[in-house]
């Protein structure tokens, strides 16, 4: 009996580990040769819209994780996103879209201030979007120099050319750093693991119900 219970426990642990592996989300180098940061889809939240998304923040949780890279041009083309060990998003196949000036976080009283600004990497075919901060960059460069929408490979070449053409005036790299912040995956693309996220979704629904009850109880 003891042996049967032990074997049953080991089987349950293997099943649990397999489920955890399927939910593992990793930010890696090309071909997965280096894992920069990893998290679980269970740490995400559902975002209702016409095409519902599953959002996951990529915040470092220990000293072995990083989402901040000091060299945009050299790093971005090799970044990949893996779900359960399978590549679901390659940055060099994406479009980079800069945020509107209203959403980028500018203080127009300090236009010369260099700060990190919001961009989004999008691949509609993969159903994935990645939010990131890039820079540091001034308002004028963000608005008049940085392309509004460009394929990543073309953007990297644009940035290289810009740096080469502006070396005489002491210009620094237009985008010298990138910080990956959040991943959004269309739920239609992850139907196979949605059952594994049911507990997370039920918890979210419960929290939403609590908020609604508080709203109505307070006369809202």
N, C-alpha and C. Protein backbone atom coordinates (compact mmCIF):
# COMPACT_ATOMS: atom_id res chain seq x y z
N UNK A 1 0.83 -1.21 0.00
CA UNK A 1 0.00 0.00 0.00
C UNK A 1 0.87 1.27 0.00
N UNK A 2 1.92 1.23 0.82
CA UNK A 2 2.81 2.39 0.88
C UNK A 2 3.44 2.66 -0.47
N UNK A 3 3.87 1.61 -1.17
CA UNK A 3 4.48 1.75 -2.48
C UNK A 3 3.49 2.33 -3.49
N UNK A 4 2.23 1.87 -3.41
CA UNK A 4 1.21 2.38 -4.32
C UNK A 4 0.95 3.86 -4.10
N UNK A 5 0.91 4.27 -2.84
CA UNK A 5 0.69 5.68 -2.52
C UNK A 5 1.86 6.53 -3.00
N UNK A 6 3.08 6.01 -2.81
CA UNK A 6 4.26 6.74 -3.25
C UNK A 6 4.27 6.89 -4.76
N UNK A 7 3.93 5.83 -5.49
CA UNK A 7 3.89 5.88 -6.95
C UNK A 7 2.80 6.84 -7.42
N UNK A 8 1.65 6.83 -6.74
CA UNK A 8 0.57 7.75 -7.09
C UNK A 8 1.00 9.19 -6.89
N UNK A 9 1.73 9.44 -5.80
CA UNK A 9 2.21 10.80 -5.54
C UNK A 9 3.20 11.24 -6.60
N UNK A 10 4.10 10.33 -7.00
CA UNK A 10 5.09 10.67 -8.03
C UNK A 10 4.39 10.97 -9.36
N UNK A 11 3.35 10.22 -9.66
CA UNK A 11 2.60 10.45 -10.89
C UNK A 11 1.92 11.81 -10.88
N UNK A 12 1.34 12.17 -9.75
CA UNK A 12 0.70 13.47 -9.63
C UNK A 12 1.72 14.60 -9.78
N UNK A 13 2.90 14.39 -9.20
CA UNK A 13 3.96 15.41 -9.30
C UNK A 13 4.42 15.56 -10.74
N UNK A 14 4.52 14.44 -11.47
CA UNK A 14 4.93 14.52 -12.88
C UNK A 14 3.89 15.26 -13.70
N UNK A 15 2.62 14.98 -13.44
CA UNK A 15 1.54 15.66 -14.16
C UNK A 15 1.56 17.16 -13.86
N UNK A 16 1.78 17.49 -12.59
CA UNK A 16 1.84 18.89 -12.19
C UNK A 16 3.02 19.60 -12.85
N UNK A 17 4.16 18.91 -12.91
CA UNK A 17 5.35 19.50 -13.52
C UNK A 17 5.14 19.70 -15.01
N UNK A 18 4.49 18.76 -15.67
CA UNK A 18 4.20 18.90 -17.09
C UNK A 18 3.30 20.11 -17.34
N UNK A 19 2.32 20.32 -16.45
CA UNK A 19 1.44 21.48 -16.59
C UNK A 19 2.22 22.77 -16.39
N UNK A 20 3.11 22.78 -15.38
CA UNK A 20 3.93 23.97 -15.13
C UNK A 20 4.83 24.27 -16.33
N UNK A 21 5.39 23.21 -16.94
CA UNK A 21 6.27 23.39 -18.09
C UNK A 21 5.50 23.99 -19.27
N UNK A 22 4.25 23.57 -19.47
CA UNK A 22 3.45 24.10 -20.56
C UNK A 22 3.11 25.57 -20.37
N UNK A 23 3.09 26.03 -19.12
CA UNK A 23 2.73 27.42 -18.81
C UNK A 23 3.95 28.32 -18.67
N UNK A 24 5.14 27.76 -18.81
CA UNK A 24 6.36 28.54 -18.63
C UNK A 24 6.56 29.51 -19.80
N UNK A 25 6.72 30.78 -19.48
CA UNK A 25 6.94 31.83 -20.47
C UNK A 25 8.35 32.35 -20.30
N UNK A 26 9.13 32.33 -21.38
CA UNK A 26 10.54 32.70 -21.29
C UNK A 26 10.91 33.73 -22.34
N UNK A 27 11.73 34.67 -21.93
CA UNK A 27 12.36 35.62 -22.85
C UNK A 27 13.79 35.14 -23.05
N UNK A 28 14.12 34.79 -24.29
CA UNK A 28 15.42 34.16 -24.54
C UNK A 28 16.17 34.85 -25.67
N UNK A 29 17.43 34.42 -25.82
CA UNK A 29 18.20 34.79 -26.99
C UNK A 29 17.81 33.90 -28.15
N UNK A 30 18.43 34.15 -29.31
CA UNK A 30 18.10 33.36 -30.49
C UNK A 30 18.39 31.89 -30.25
N UNK A 31 17.47 31.04 -30.68
CA UNK A 31 17.57 29.58 -30.52
C UNK A 31 17.53 29.15 -29.06
N UNK A 32 17.10 30.03 -28.19
CA UNK A 32 16.97 29.68 -26.78
C UNK A 32 18.30 29.47 -26.08
N UNK A 33 19.39 30.01 -26.68
CA UNK A 33 20.71 29.75 -26.11
C UNK A 33 20.92 30.42 -24.76
N UNK A 34 20.09 31.40 -24.44
CA UNK A 34 20.21 32.08 -23.15
C UNK A 34 18.82 32.52 -22.70
N UNK A 35 18.45 32.15 -21.48
CA UNK A 35 17.16 32.56 -20.92
C UNK A 35 17.39 33.81 -20.07
N UNK A 36 16.82 34.94 -20.52
CA UNK A 36 17.00 36.19 -19.79
C UNK A 36 16.02 36.30 -18.62
N UNK A 37 14.79 35.86 -18.85
CA UNK A 37 13.78 36.00 -17.82
C UNK A 37 12.69 34.97 -18.06
N UNK A 38 12.10 34.46 -16.99
CA UNK A 38 11.00 33.51 -17.15
C UNK A 38 9.94 33.76 -16.09
N UNK A 39 8.74 33.41 -16.44
CA UNK A 39 7.61 33.54 -15.53
C UNK A 39 6.58 32.49 -15.91
N UNK A 40 5.41 32.54 -15.33
CA UNK A 40 4.36 31.58 -15.64
C UNK A 40 3.13 32.31 -16.16
N UNK A 41 2.45 31.68 -17.08
CA UNK A 41 1.21 32.26 -17.58
C UNK A 41 0.18 32.40 -16.46
N UNK A 42 0.34 31.62 -15.39
CA UNK A 42 -0.58 31.73 -14.26
C UNK A 42 -0.46 33.08 -13.57
N UNK A 43 0.66 33.78 -13.79
CA UNK A 43 0.83 35.11 -13.20
C UNK A 43 0.17 36.20 -14.04
N UNK A 44 -0.49 35.79 -15.14
CA UNK A 44 -1.11 36.77 -16.02
C UNK A 44 -2.56 37.04 -15.68
N UNK A 45 -3.18 37.89 -16.48
CA UNK A 45 -4.59 38.25 -16.30
C UNK A 45 -5.24 38.31 -17.67
N UNK A 46 -6.54 38.04 -17.70
CA UNK A 46 -7.29 38.17 -18.94
C UNK A 46 -7.69 39.61 -19.18
N UNK A 47 -7.68 40.02 -20.42
CA UNK A 47 -8.06 41.39 -20.80
C UNK A 47 -9.16 41.29 -21.86
N UNK A 48 -10.41 41.53 -21.46
CA UNK A 48 -11.52 41.41 -22.42
C UNK A 48 -11.50 42.53 -23.45
N UNK A 49 -11.63 42.14 -24.70
CA UNK A 49 -11.71 43.06 -25.83
C UNK A 49 -12.26 42.25 -27.01
N UNK A 50 -12.31 42.84 -28.21
CA UNK A 50 -12.87 42.11 -29.35
C UNK A 50 -12.11 40.81 -29.60
N UNK A 51 -10.80 40.83 -29.39
CA UNK A 51 -9.98 39.63 -29.41
C UNK A 51 -9.29 39.54 -28.04
N UNK A 52 -9.90 38.80 -27.09
CA UNK A 52 -9.38 38.78 -25.72
C UNK A 52 -7.91 38.39 -25.65
N UNK A 53 -7.18 39.10 -24.77
CA UNK A 53 -5.75 38.86 -24.59
C UNK A 53 -5.49 38.24 -23.23
N UNK A 54 -4.35 37.57 -23.12
CA UNK A 54 -3.83 37.15 -21.83
C UNK A 54 -2.55 37.96 -21.61
N UNK A 55 -2.55 38.79 -20.57
CA UNK A 55 -1.43 39.70 -20.31
C UNK A 55 -0.55 39.18 -19.19
N UNK A 56 0.76 39.23 -19.42
CA UNK A 56 1.73 38.80 -18.41
C UNK A 56 2.82 39.85 -18.29
N UNK A 57 3.03 40.35 -17.07
CA UNK A 57 4.13 41.29 -16.82
C UNK A 57 5.43 40.52 -16.70
N UNK A 58 6.47 41.05 -17.34
CA UNK A 58 7.79 40.44 -17.27
C UNK A 58 8.65 41.24 -16.31
N UNK A 59 8.39 41.11 -15.02
CA UNK A 59 9.18 41.82 -14.02
C UNK A 59 10.20 40.88 -13.41
N UNK A 60 11.48 41.26 -13.38
CA UNK A 60 12.50 40.40 -12.77
C UNK A 60 12.15 40.11 -11.31
N UNK A 61 12.30 38.84 -10.91
CA UNK A 61 11.98 38.45 -9.54
C UNK A 61 13.22 38.10 -8.72
N UNK A 62 14.34 37.99 -9.37
CA UNK A 62 15.58 37.73 -8.64
C UNK A 62 16.76 38.21 -9.48
N UNK A 63 17.94 38.09 -8.92
CA UNK A 63 19.13 38.62 -9.58
C UNK A 63 19.53 37.88 -10.84
N UNK A 64 18.93 36.71 -11.09
CA UNK A 64 19.27 35.94 -12.27
C UNK A 64 18.41 36.29 -13.47
N UNK A 65 17.40 37.13 -13.26
CA UNK A 65 16.51 37.53 -14.35
C UNK A 65 16.81 38.96 -14.78
N UNK A 66 16.66 39.21 -16.07
CA UNK A 66 16.79 40.59 -16.53
C UNK A 66 15.85 40.83 -17.69
N UNK A 67 15.26 42.00 -17.74
CA UNK A 67 14.45 42.42 -18.88
C UNK A 67 14.98 43.74 -19.43
N UNK A 68 16.13 44.17 -18.93
CA UNK A 68 16.75 45.43 -19.36
C UNK A 68 18.03 45.12 -20.12
N UNK A 69 18.13 45.63 -21.34
CA UNK A 69 19.27 45.35 -22.18
C UNK A 69 19.92 46.67 -22.61
N UNK A 70 21.25 46.79 -22.46
CA UNK A 70 21.93 48.05 -22.71
C UNK A 70 22.20 48.36 -24.18
N UNK A 71 21.93 47.41 -25.08
CA UNK A 71 22.24 47.65 -26.49
C UNK A 71 21.07 47.22 -27.36
N UNK A 72 20.22 48.17 -27.72
CA UNK A 72 19.01 47.89 -28.51
C UNK A 72 19.37 47.23 -29.83
N UNK A 73 20.29 47.82 -30.58
CA UNK A 73 20.61 47.35 -31.93
C UNK A 73 21.14 45.93 -31.92
N UNK A 74 21.99 45.59 -30.95
CA UNK A 74 22.58 44.26 -30.92
C UNK A 74 21.67 43.22 -30.29
N UNK A 75 20.78 43.64 -29.39
CA UNK A 75 19.98 42.68 -28.62
C UNK A 75 18.65 42.33 -29.27
N UNK A 76 17.91 43.34 -29.70
CA UNK A 76 16.53 43.13 -30.13
C UNK A 76 16.36 42.09 -31.24
N UNK A 77 17.19 42.11 -32.30
CA UNK A 77 16.95 41.13 -33.37
C UNK A 77 17.05 39.67 -32.92
N UNK A 78 17.73 39.41 -31.82
CA UNK A 78 17.91 38.04 -31.37
C UNK A 78 16.94 37.60 -30.28
N UNK A 79 16.10 38.50 -29.80
CA UNK A 79 15.17 38.14 -28.72
C UNK A 79 14.04 37.26 -29.24
N UNK A 80 13.69 36.27 -28.43
CA UNK A 80 12.58 35.38 -28.76
C UNK A 80 11.73 35.15 -27.52
N UNK A 81 10.47 34.88 -27.74
CA UNK A 81 9.54 34.56 -26.66
C UNK A 81 9.11 33.11 -26.81
N UNK A 82 9.26 32.35 -25.73
CA UNK A 82 8.92 30.92 -25.76
C UNK A 82 7.83 30.62 -24.74
N UNK A 83 6.86 29.82 -25.17
CA UNK A 83 5.80 29.36 -24.28
C UNK A 83 5.86 27.84 -24.26
N UNK A 84 6.12 27.29 -23.07
CA UNK A 84 6.26 25.84 -22.97
C UNK A 84 7.41 25.31 -23.81
N UNK A 85 8.44 26.13 -24.00
CA UNK A 85 9.61 25.73 -24.78
C UNK A 85 9.47 25.94 -26.27
N UNK A 86 8.31 26.38 -26.72
CA UNK A 86 8.05 26.58 -28.15
C UNK A 86 8.07 28.07 -28.49
N UNK A 87 8.78 28.44 -29.53
CA UNK A 87 8.86 29.85 -29.94
C UNK A 87 7.50 30.33 -30.43
N UNK A 88 6.98 31.39 -29.81
CA UNK A 88 5.71 31.96 -30.24
C UNK A 88 5.87 33.37 -30.80
N UNK A 89 7.08 33.93 -30.65
CA UNK A 89 7.28 35.31 -31.09
C UNK A 89 8.78 35.56 -31.28
N UNK A 90 9.14 36.02 -32.48
CA UNK A 90 10.51 36.43 -32.76
C UNK A 90 10.51 37.93 -33.02
N UNK A 91 11.34 38.64 -32.29
CA UNK A 91 11.36 40.10 -32.42
C UNK A 91 11.77 40.53 -33.82
N UNK A 92 12.64 39.77 -34.48
CA UNK A 92 13.08 40.18 -35.81
C UNK A 92 12.02 39.95 -36.88
N UNK A 93 10.86 39.40 -36.49
CA UNK A 93 9.75 39.24 -37.43
C UNK A 93 8.60 40.19 -37.09
N UNK A 94 8.84 41.10 -36.15
CA UNK A 94 7.77 41.97 -35.65
C UNK A 94 7.86 43.38 -36.23
N UNK A 95 6.78 44.13 -36.01
CA UNK A 95 6.73 45.56 -36.32
C UNK A 95 6.87 46.32 -35.01
N UNK A 96 7.69 47.35 -35.01
CA UNK A 96 7.83 48.21 -33.83
C UNK A 96 6.98 49.46 -34.03
N UNK A 97 6.07 49.71 -33.08
CA UNK A 97 5.15 50.85 -33.16
C UNK A 97 5.39 51.75 -31.95
N UNK A 98 5.69 53.01 -32.18
CA UNK A 98 5.90 53.93 -31.07
C UNK A 98 4.56 54.42 -30.54
N UNK A 99 4.51 54.65 -29.24
CA UNK A 99 3.29 55.14 -28.62
C UNK A 99 3.02 56.58 -29.06
N UNK A 100 1.77 56.99 -28.97
CA UNK A 100 1.45 58.39 -29.23
C UNK A 100 2.12 59.24 -28.17
N UNK A 101 2.36 60.50 -28.48
CA UNK A 101 3.03 61.37 -27.53
C UNK A 101 2.21 61.51 -26.24
N UNK A 102 0.88 61.36 -26.36
CA UNK A 102 0.04 61.46 -25.16
C UNK A 102 0.27 60.28 -24.23
N UNK A 103 0.56 59.10 -24.80
CA UNK A 103 0.73 57.91 -23.98
C UNK A 103 2.18 57.58 -23.66
N UNK A 104 3.10 58.30 -24.25
CA UNK A 104 4.52 57.98 -24.07
C UNK A 104 5.09 58.54 -22.77
N UNK A 105 4.34 59.42 -22.09
CA UNK A 105 4.79 59.91 -20.79
C UNK A 105 5.66 61.14 -20.82
N UNK A 106 5.47 62.00 -21.82
CA UNK A 106 6.31 63.20 -21.91
C UNK A 106 5.80 64.31 -21.00
N UNK A 107 6.75 65.04 -20.43
CA UNK A 107 6.46 66.28 -19.72
C UNK A 107 6.90 67.42 -20.64
N UNK A 108 5.93 68.07 -21.30
CA UNK A 108 6.25 69.07 -22.32
C UNK A 108 6.93 70.30 -21.76
N UNK A 109 7.02 70.42 -20.47
CA UNK A 109 7.78 71.54 -19.88
C UNK A 109 9.26 71.19 -19.79
N UNK A 110 9.59 69.91 -20.12
CA UNK A 110 10.99 69.47 -20.02
C UNK A 110 11.33 68.64 -21.26
N UNK A 111 11.23 69.30 -22.44
CA UNK A 111 11.42 68.58 -23.70
C UNK A 111 12.83 68.04 -23.88
N UNK A 112 13.82 68.65 -23.22
CA UNK A 112 15.20 68.19 -23.38
C UNK A 112 15.55 67.02 -22.47
N UNK A 113 14.62 66.67 -21.60
CA UNK A 113 14.87 65.55 -20.69
C UNK A 113 14.86 64.24 -21.45
N UNK A 114 15.87 63.42 -21.22
CA UNK A 114 15.96 62.12 -21.88
C UNK A 114 15.41 61.04 -20.95
N UNK A 115 14.39 60.34 -21.41
CA UNK A 115 13.78 59.30 -20.59
C UNK A 115 13.42 58.10 -21.46
N UNK A 116 13.07 56.99 -20.80
CA UNK A 116 12.62 55.80 -21.50
C UNK A 116 11.16 56.01 -21.94
N UNK A 117 10.86 55.61 -23.18
CA UNK A 117 9.53 55.85 -23.73
C UNK A 117 8.91 54.54 -24.24
N UNK A 118 7.61 54.53 -24.36
CA UNK A 118 6.86 53.32 -24.66
C UNK A 118 6.81 53.00 -26.16
N UNK A 119 7.09 51.73 -26.48
CA UNK A 119 6.87 51.21 -27.83
C UNK A 119 6.21 49.84 -27.71
N UNK A 120 5.66 49.36 -28.80
CA UNK A 120 5.04 48.04 -28.82
C UNK A 120 5.56 47.26 -30.03
N UNK A 121 5.94 46.01 -29.79
CA UNK A 121 6.34 45.11 -30.86
C UNK A 121 5.14 44.21 -31.17
N UNK A 122 4.75 44.17 -32.43
CA UNK A 122 3.52 43.48 -32.81
C UNK A 122 3.77 42.49 -33.94
N UNK A 123 3.17 41.30 -33.80
CA UNK A 123 3.12 40.34 -34.90
C UNK A 123 1.70 39.80 -34.94
N UNK A 124 0.90 40.34 -35.83
CA UNK A 124 -0.52 39.98 -35.88
C UNK A 124 -0.72 38.51 -36.21
N UNK A 125 0.14 37.97 -37.07
CA UNK A 125 0.02 36.56 -37.45
C UNK A 125 0.21 35.65 -36.24
N UNK A 126 1.12 36.02 -35.35
CA UNK A 126 1.39 35.22 -34.15
C UNK A 126 0.40 35.52 -33.04
N UNK A 127 -0.34 36.65 -33.16
CA UNK A 127 -1.29 37.03 -32.11
C UNK A 127 -0.60 37.47 -30.84
N UNK A 128 0.59 38.06 -30.98
CA UNK A 128 1.39 38.46 -29.82
C UNK A 128 1.79 39.92 -29.95
N UNK A 129 1.79 40.62 -28.80
CA UNK A 129 2.29 41.99 -28.73
C UNK A 129 3.13 42.13 -27.47
N UNK A 130 4.22 42.87 -27.59
CA UNK A 130 5.14 43.05 -26.46
C UNK A 130 5.33 44.54 -26.21
N UNK A 131 5.03 44.96 -24.97
CA UNK A 131 5.23 46.36 -24.59
C UNK A 131 6.62 46.51 -23.98
N UNK A 132 7.29 47.60 -24.35
CA UNK A 132 8.65 47.83 -23.86
C UNK A 132 8.91 49.33 -23.75
N UNK A 133 9.93 49.67 -22.97
CA UNK A 133 10.41 51.05 -22.91
C UNK A 133 11.76 51.11 -23.59
N UNK A 134 11.95 52.14 -24.41
CA UNK A 134 13.21 52.32 -25.13
C UNK A 134 13.73 53.73 -24.90
N UNK A 135 15.03 53.89 -25.10
CA UNK A 135 15.63 55.20 -24.89
C UNK A 135 17.00 55.08 -24.26
N UNK A 136 17.39 56.07 -23.45
CA UNK A 136 16.69 57.35 -23.20
C UNK A 136 16.64 58.20 -24.48
N UNK A 137 15.54 58.94 -24.63
CA UNK A 137 15.35 59.72 -25.83
C UNK A 137 14.60 61.00 -25.49
N UNK A 138 14.95 62.08 -26.19
CA UNK A 138 14.28 63.37 -25.99
C UNK A 138 12.99 63.43 -26.80
N UNK A 139 12.13 64.34 -26.42
CA UNK A 139 10.83 64.50 -27.07
C UNK A 139 11.00 64.74 -28.57
N UNK A 140 11.86 65.66 -28.96
CA UNK A 140 12.00 66.01 -30.37
C UNK A 140 12.45 64.82 -31.19
N UNK A 141 13.39 64.03 -30.66
CA UNK A 141 13.87 62.85 -31.39
C UNK A 141 12.78 61.80 -31.49
N UNK A 142 12.01 61.65 -30.42
CA UNK A 142 10.93 60.66 -30.41
C UNK A 142 9.87 61.01 -31.45
N UNK A 143 9.58 62.30 -31.58
CA UNK A 143 8.49 62.75 -32.45
C UNK A 143 8.94 62.91 -33.90
N UNK A 144 10.12 63.46 -34.13
CA UNK A 144 10.52 63.83 -35.49
C UNK A 144 11.53 62.89 -36.13
N UNK A 145 12.28 62.12 -35.34
CA UNK A 145 13.34 61.27 -35.90
C UNK A 145 12.96 59.79 -35.88
N UNK A 146 12.48 59.32 -34.75
CA UNK A 146 12.16 57.90 -34.60
C UNK A 146 10.96 57.54 -35.47
N UNK A 147 11.06 56.52 -36.32
CA UNK A 147 9.92 56.12 -37.16
C UNK A 147 8.73 55.72 -36.30
N UNK A 148 7.52 56.05 -36.79
CA UNK A 148 6.31 55.73 -36.05
C UNK A 148 5.99 54.24 -36.09
N UNK A 149 6.30 53.63 -37.23
CA UNK A 149 5.97 52.21 -37.42
C UNK A 149 6.96 51.63 -38.43
N UNK A 150 7.70 50.60 -38.00
CA UNK A 150 8.72 50.05 -38.89
C UNK A 150 9.05 48.62 -38.48
N UNK A 151 9.30 47.77 -39.47
CA UNK A 151 9.73 46.41 -39.20
C UNK A 151 11.03 46.45 -38.40
N UNK A 152 11.19 45.54 -37.46
CA UNK A 152 12.34 45.58 -36.55
C UNK A 152 13.67 45.55 -37.30
N UNK A 153 13.79 44.70 -38.32
CA UNK A 153 15.06 44.63 -39.04
C UNK A 153 15.37 45.96 -39.74
N UNK A 154 14.33 46.62 -40.27
CA UNK A 154 14.53 47.92 -40.90
C UNK A 154 14.85 48.99 -39.86
N UNK A 155 14.22 48.88 -38.69
CA UNK A 155 14.48 49.84 -37.62
C UNK A 155 15.92 49.73 -37.13
N UNK A 156 16.42 48.52 -36.98
CA UNK A 156 17.80 48.33 -36.54
C UNK A 156 18.77 48.96 -37.53
N UNK A 157 18.52 48.75 -38.84
CA UNK A 157 19.38 49.36 -39.85
C UNK A 157 19.27 50.88 -39.82
N UNK A 158 18.04 51.40 -39.62
CA UNK A 158 17.83 52.84 -39.52
C UNK A 158 18.65 53.43 -38.37
N UNK A 159 18.63 52.74 -37.22
CA UNK A 159 19.36 53.23 -36.05
C UNK A 159 20.87 53.19 -36.28
N UNK A 160 21.35 52.15 -36.96
CA UNK A 160 22.78 52.08 -37.27
C UNK A 160 23.18 53.22 -38.20
N UNK A 161 22.37 53.46 -39.23
CA UNK A 161 22.67 54.54 -40.18
C UNK A 161 22.62 55.90 -39.48
N UNK A 162 21.65 56.07 -38.60
CA UNK A 162 21.52 57.34 -37.88
C UNK A 162 22.76 57.60 -37.04
N UNK A 163 23.26 56.58 -36.36
CA UNK A 163 24.44 56.76 -35.52
C UNK A 163 25.67 57.07 -36.38
N UNK A 164 25.80 56.38 -37.51
CA UNK A 164 26.94 56.61 -38.40
C UNK A 164 26.91 58.01 -38.98
N UNK A 165 25.74 58.48 -39.36
CA UNK A 165 25.61 59.78 -40.00
C UNK A 165 25.69 60.94 -39.02
N UNK A 166 25.66 60.67 -37.72
CA UNK A 166 25.67 61.75 -36.74
C UNK A 166 26.86 61.66 -35.78
N UNK A 167 27.89 60.93 -36.17
CA UNK A 167 29.06 60.80 -35.29
C UNK A 167 29.81 62.12 -35.15
N UNK A 168 29.79 62.95 -36.20
CA UNK A 168 30.56 64.19 -36.16
C UNK A 168 30.01 65.21 -35.17
N UNK A 169 28.72 65.17 -34.91
CA UNK A 169 28.15 66.13 -33.96
C UNK A 169 28.03 65.56 -32.55
N UNK A 170 28.66 64.40 -32.33
CA UNK A 170 28.69 63.83 -30.97
C UNK A 170 27.39 63.21 -30.54
N UNK A 171 26.51 62.90 -31.50
CA UNK A 171 25.22 62.32 -31.14
C UNK A 171 25.39 60.91 -30.58
N UNK A 172 24.70 60.62 -29.49
CA UNK A 172 24.70 59.28 -28.94
C UNK A 172 23.70 58.42 -29.69
N UNK A 173 23.70 57.13 -29.42
CA UNK A 173 22.75 56.24 -30.07
C UNK A 173 21.33 56.72 -29.81
N UNK A 174 20.51 56.69 -30.87
CA UNK A 174 19.14 57.18 -30.73
C UNK A 174 18.35 56.37 -29.70
N UNK A 175 18.52 55.06 -29.76
CA UNK A 175 17.93 54.17 -28.76
C UNK A 175 19.04 53.27 -28.23
N UNK A 176 19.47 53.52 -27.03
CA UNK A 176 20.60 52.76 -26.50
C UNK A 176 20.17 51.63 -25.58
N UNK A 177 18.94 51.67 -25.05
CA UNK A 177 18.49 50.65 -24.12
C UNK A 177 17.06 50.21 -24.45
N UNK A 178 16.73 49.02 -23.98
CA UNK A 178 15.35 48.54 -24.09
C UNK A 178 15.01 47.76 -22.83
N UNK A 179 13.80 47.97 -22.33
CA UNK A 179 13.30 47.24 -21.15
C UNK A 179 11.97 46.59 -21.52
N UNK A 180 11.92 45.26 -21.51
CA UNK A 180 10.71 44.52 -21.82
C UNK A 180 9.79 44.56 -20.59
N UNK A 181 8.53 44.94 -20.79
CA UNK A 181 7.62 45.11 -19.66
C UNK A 181 6.46 44.11 -19.64
N UNK A 182 5.77 43.93 -20.76
CA UNK A 182 4.55 43.14 -20.70
C UNK A 182 4.31 42.40 -22.02
N UNK A 183 3.80 41.18 -21.90
CA UNK A 183 3.46 40.35 -23.05
C UNK A 183 1.95 40.21 -23.14
N UNK A 184 1.41 40.34 -24.34
CA UNK A 184 0.00 40.10 -24.57
C UNK A 184 -0.17 39.05 -25.66
N UNK A 185 -0.88 37.97 -25.35
CA UNK A 185 -1.11 36.89 -26.32
C UNK A 185 -2.61 36.71 -26.50
N UNK A 186 -3.06 36.69 -27.75
CA UNK A 186 -4.48 36.46 -27.99
C UNK A 186 -4.88 35.10 -27.44
N UNK A 187 -5.98 35.08 -26.69
CA UNK A 187 -6.41 33.84 -26.08
C UNK A 187 -6.77 32.78 -27.11
N UNK A 188 -7.13 33.21 -28.31
CA UNK A 188 -7.42 32.24 -29.37
C UNK A 188 -6.17 31.47 -29.78
N UNK A 189 -4.99 32.02 -29.46
CA UNK A 189 -3.73 31.36 -29.81
C UNK A 189 -3.27 30.37 -28.74
N UNK A 190 -3.92 30.40 -27.57
CA UNK A 190 -3.46 29.54 -26.47
C UNK A 190 -4.60 28.69 -25.94
N UNK A 191 -5.49 28.26 -26.84
CA UNK A 191 -6.65 27.46 -26.41
C UNK A 191 -6.22 26.20 -25.68
N UNK A 192 -5.08 25.63 -26.08
CA UNK A 192 -4.64 24.39 -25.48
C UNK A 192 -4.29 24.48 -24.01
N UNK A 193 -3.91 25.69 -23.54
CA UNK A 193 -3.53 25.82 -22.12
C UNK A 193 -4.56 26.60 -21.31
N UNK A 194 -5.60 27.10 -21.96
CA UNK A 194 -6.62 27.84 -21.21
C UNK A 194 -7.22 27.02 -20.07
N UNK A 195 -7.46 25.69 -20.26
CA UNK A 195 -7.97 24.92 -19.11
C UNK A 195 -7.04 24.94 -17.92
N UNK A 196 -5.72 25.07 -18.17
CA UNK A 196 -4.76 25.11 -17.07
C UNK A 196 -4.79 26.46 -16.36
N UNK A 197 -5.43 27.45 -16.99
CA UNK A 197 -5.51 28.79 -16.41
C UNK A 197 -6.87 29.05 -15.78
N UNK A 198 -7.71 28.03 -15.71
CA UNK A 198 -9.07 28.22 -15.21
C UNK A 198 -9.10 28.74 -13.79
N UNK A 199 -8.23 28.22 -12.92
CA UNK A 199 -8.19 28.69 -11.53
C UNK A 199 -7.88 30.18 -11.47
N UNK A 200 -6.91 30.60 -12.30
CA UNK A 200 -6.55 32.02 -12.34
C UNK A 200 -7.72 32.86 -12.83
N UNK A 201 -8.41 32.37 -13.87
CA UNK A 201 -9.54 33.13 -14.41
C UNK A 201 -10.70 33.18 -13.42
N UNK A 202 -10.94 32.07 -12.71
CA UNK A 202 -12.01 32.08 -11.69
C UNK A 202 -11.69 33.08 -10.58
N UNK A 203 -10.43 33.15 -10.19
CA UNK A 203 -10.02 34.10 -9.15
C UNK A 203 -10.25 35.53 -9.61
N UNK A 204 -9.92 35.80 -10.87
CA UNK A 204 -10.15 37.14 -11.42
C UNK A 204 -11.64 37.48 -11.41
N UNK A 205 -12.46 36.53 -11.85
CA UNK A 205 -13.90 36.76 -11.88
C UNK A 205 -14.44 37.03 -10.48
N UNK A 206 -13.92 36.29 -9.48
CA UNK A 206 -14.34 36.50 -8.10
C UNK A 206 -13.96 37.90 -7.63
N UNK A 207 -12.74 38.33 -7.98
CA UNK A 207 -12.30 39.68 -7.59
C UNK A 207 -13.18 40.74 -8.25
N UNK A 208 -13.54 40.50 -9.52
CA UNK A 208 -14.41 41.45 -10.21
C UNK A 208 -15.78 41.52 -9.55
N UNK A 209 -16.31 40.35 -9.13
CA UNK A 209 -17.61 40.33 -8.45
C UNK A 209 -17.54 41.11 -7.14
N UNK A 210 -16.45 40.94 -6.40
CA UNK A 210 -16.29 41.65 -5.13
C UNK A 210 -16.28 43.16 -5.37
N UNK A 211 -15.56 43.59 -6.41
CA UNK A 211 -15.49 45.01 -6.71
C UNK A 211 -16.87 45.56 -7.09
N UNK A 212 -17.62 44.78 -7.88
CA UNK A 212 -18.96 45.21 -8.27
C UNK A 212 -19.88 45.30 -7.05
N UNK A 213 -19.81 44.31 -6.17
CA UNK A 213 -20.63 44.32 -4.96
C UNK A 213 -20.31 45.55 -4.10
N UNK A 214 -19.03 45.86 -3.96
CA UNK A 214 -18.64 47.02 -3.16
C UNK A 214 -19.18 48.29 -3.81
N UNK A 215 -19.14 48.32 -5.14
CA UNK A 215 -19.61 49.49 -5.87
C UNK A 215 -21.12 49.72 -5.60
N UNK A 216 -21.91 48.66 -5.74
CA UNK A 216 -23.35 48.79 -5.56
C UNK A 216 -23.72 49.00 -4.10
N UNK A 217 -22.98 48.35 -3.18
CA UNK A 217 -23.27 48.53 -1.75
C UNK A 217 -22.98 49.94 -1.28
N UNK A 218 -22.06 50.59 -2.00
CA UNK A 218 -21.72 51.98 -1.64
C UNK A 218 -22.59 52.99 -2.39
N UNK A 219 -23.60 52.46 -3.05
CA UNK A 219 -24.53 53.36 -3.74
C UNK A 219 -24.08 53.80 -5.09
N UNK A 220 -23.09 53.05 -5.67
CA UNK A 220 -22.57 53.43 -6.97
C UNK A 220 -23.55 53.15 -8.10
